[in-house]
């Protein structure tokens, strides 16, 4: 599998921002992708909150 280049990474971050993710959620997600550590794994958001 090839690594993402900077342009792809930028588009992913911009897409997550557009989807309403906070900067902390984005950073934690990127840490989870790179490290695989469960503490950074995204949590399911509850509807209506």
C-alpha atoms as a PDB file:
ATOM      1  CA  UNK A   1       0.000   0.000   0.000  1.00  0.00           C
ATOM      2  CA  UNK A   2       1.321   3.439  -0.894  1.00  0.00           C
ATOM      3  CA  UNK A   3       1.532   6.249   1.649  1.00  0.00           C
ATOM      4  CA  UNK A   4      -0.717   9.274   1.236  1.00  0.00           C
ATOM      5  CA  UNK A   5       0.983  12.293  -0.247  1.00  0.00           C
ATOM      6  CA  UNK A   6       0.611  15.806   1.173  1.00  0.00           C
ATOM      7  CA  UNK A   7      -2.126  16.777  -1.296  1.00  0.00           C
ATOM      8  CA  UNK A   8      -4.230  13.744  -0.359  1.00  0.00           C
ATOM      9  CA  UNK A   9      -3.673  14.391   3.326  1.00  0.00           C
ATOM     10  CA  UNK A  10      -4.722  18.028   2.948  1.00  0.00           C
ATOM     11  CA  UNK A  11      -7.896  17.035   1.104  1.00  0.00           C
ATOM     12  CA  UNK A  12      -8.748  14.513   3.801  1.00  0.00           C
ATOM     13  CA  UNK A  13      -8.308  17.125   6.566  1.00  0.00           C
ATOM     14  CA  UNK A  14     -10.366  19.689   4.660  1.00  0.00           C
ATOM     15  CA  UNK A  15     -13.082  17.083   4.055  1.00  0.00           C
ATOM     16  CA  UNK A  16     -13.233  16.207   7.757  1.00  0.00           C
ATOM     17  CA  UNK A  17     -13.487  19.907   8.642  1.00  0.00           C
ATOM     18  CA  UNK A  18     -16.304  20.318   6.109  1.00  0.00           C
ATOM     19  CA  UNK A  19     -18.058  17.326   7.706  1.00  0.00           C
ATOM     20  CA  UNK A  20     -18.042  19.160  11.039  1.00  0.00           C
ATOM     21  CA  UNK A  21     -15.156  17.411  12.788  1.00  0.00           C
ATOM     22  CA  UNK A  22     -13.305  19.434  15.436  1.00  0.00           C
ATOM     23  CA  UNK A  23      -9.543  19.934  15.236  1.00  0.00           C
ATOM     24  CA  UNK A  24      -9.092  17.533  18.174  1.00  0.00           C
ATOM     25  CA  UNK A  25     -11.212  14.862  16.474  1.00  0.00           C
ATOM     26  CA  UNK A  26      -9.155  15.246  13.290  1.00  0.00           C
ATOM     27  CA  UNK A  27      -5.836  15.098  15.152  1.00  0.00           C
ATOM     28  CA  UNK A  28      -6.925  12.047  17.159  1.00  0.00           C
ATOM     29  CA  UNK A  29      -8.110  10.320  13.967  1.00  0.00           C
ATOM     30  CA  UNK A  30      -4.770  10.943  12.258  1.00  0.00           C
ATOM     31  CA  UNK A  31      -2.955   9.622  15.344  1.00  0.00           C
ATOM     32  CA  UNK A  32      -5.172   6.514  15.264  1.00  0.00           C
ATOM     33  CA  UNK A  33      -4.433   5.904  11.580  1.00  0.00           C
ATOM     34  CA  UNK A  34      -0.675   6.204  12.141  1.00  0.00           C
ATOM     35  CA  UNK A  35      -0.325   4.489  15.515  1.00  0.00           C
ATOM     36  CA  UNK A  36      -3.310   2.148  15.732  1.00  0.00           C
ATOM     37  CA  UNK A  37      -3.694   3.081  19.405  1.00  0.00           C
ATOM     38  CA  UNK A  38      -7.262   2.509  20.596  1.00  0.00           C
ATOM     39  CA  UNK A  39      -7.247   5.675  22.722  1.00  0.00           C
ATOM     40  CA  UNK A  40      -7.360   7.724  19.495  1.00  0.00           C
ATOM     41  CA  UNK A  41     -10.036   5.645  17.754  1.00  0.00           C
ATOM     42  CA  UNK A  42     -13.070   7.759  16.743  1.00  0.00           C
ATOM     43  CA  UNK A  43     -16.177   7.386  18.881  1.00  0.00           C
ATOM     44  CA  UNK A  44     -19.713   7.151  17.499  1.00  0.00           C
ATOM     45  CA  UNK A  45     -21.524  10.455  18.000  1.00  0.00           C
ATOM     46  CA  UNK A  46     -25.011  10.363  19.492  1.00  0.00           C
ATOM     47  CA  UNK A  47     -27.748  11.912  17.320  1.00  0.00           C
ATOM     48  CA  UNK A  48     -29.274  15.184  18.495  1.00  0.00           C
ATOM     49  CA  UNK A  49     -26.420  16.288  20.734  1.00  0.00           C
END
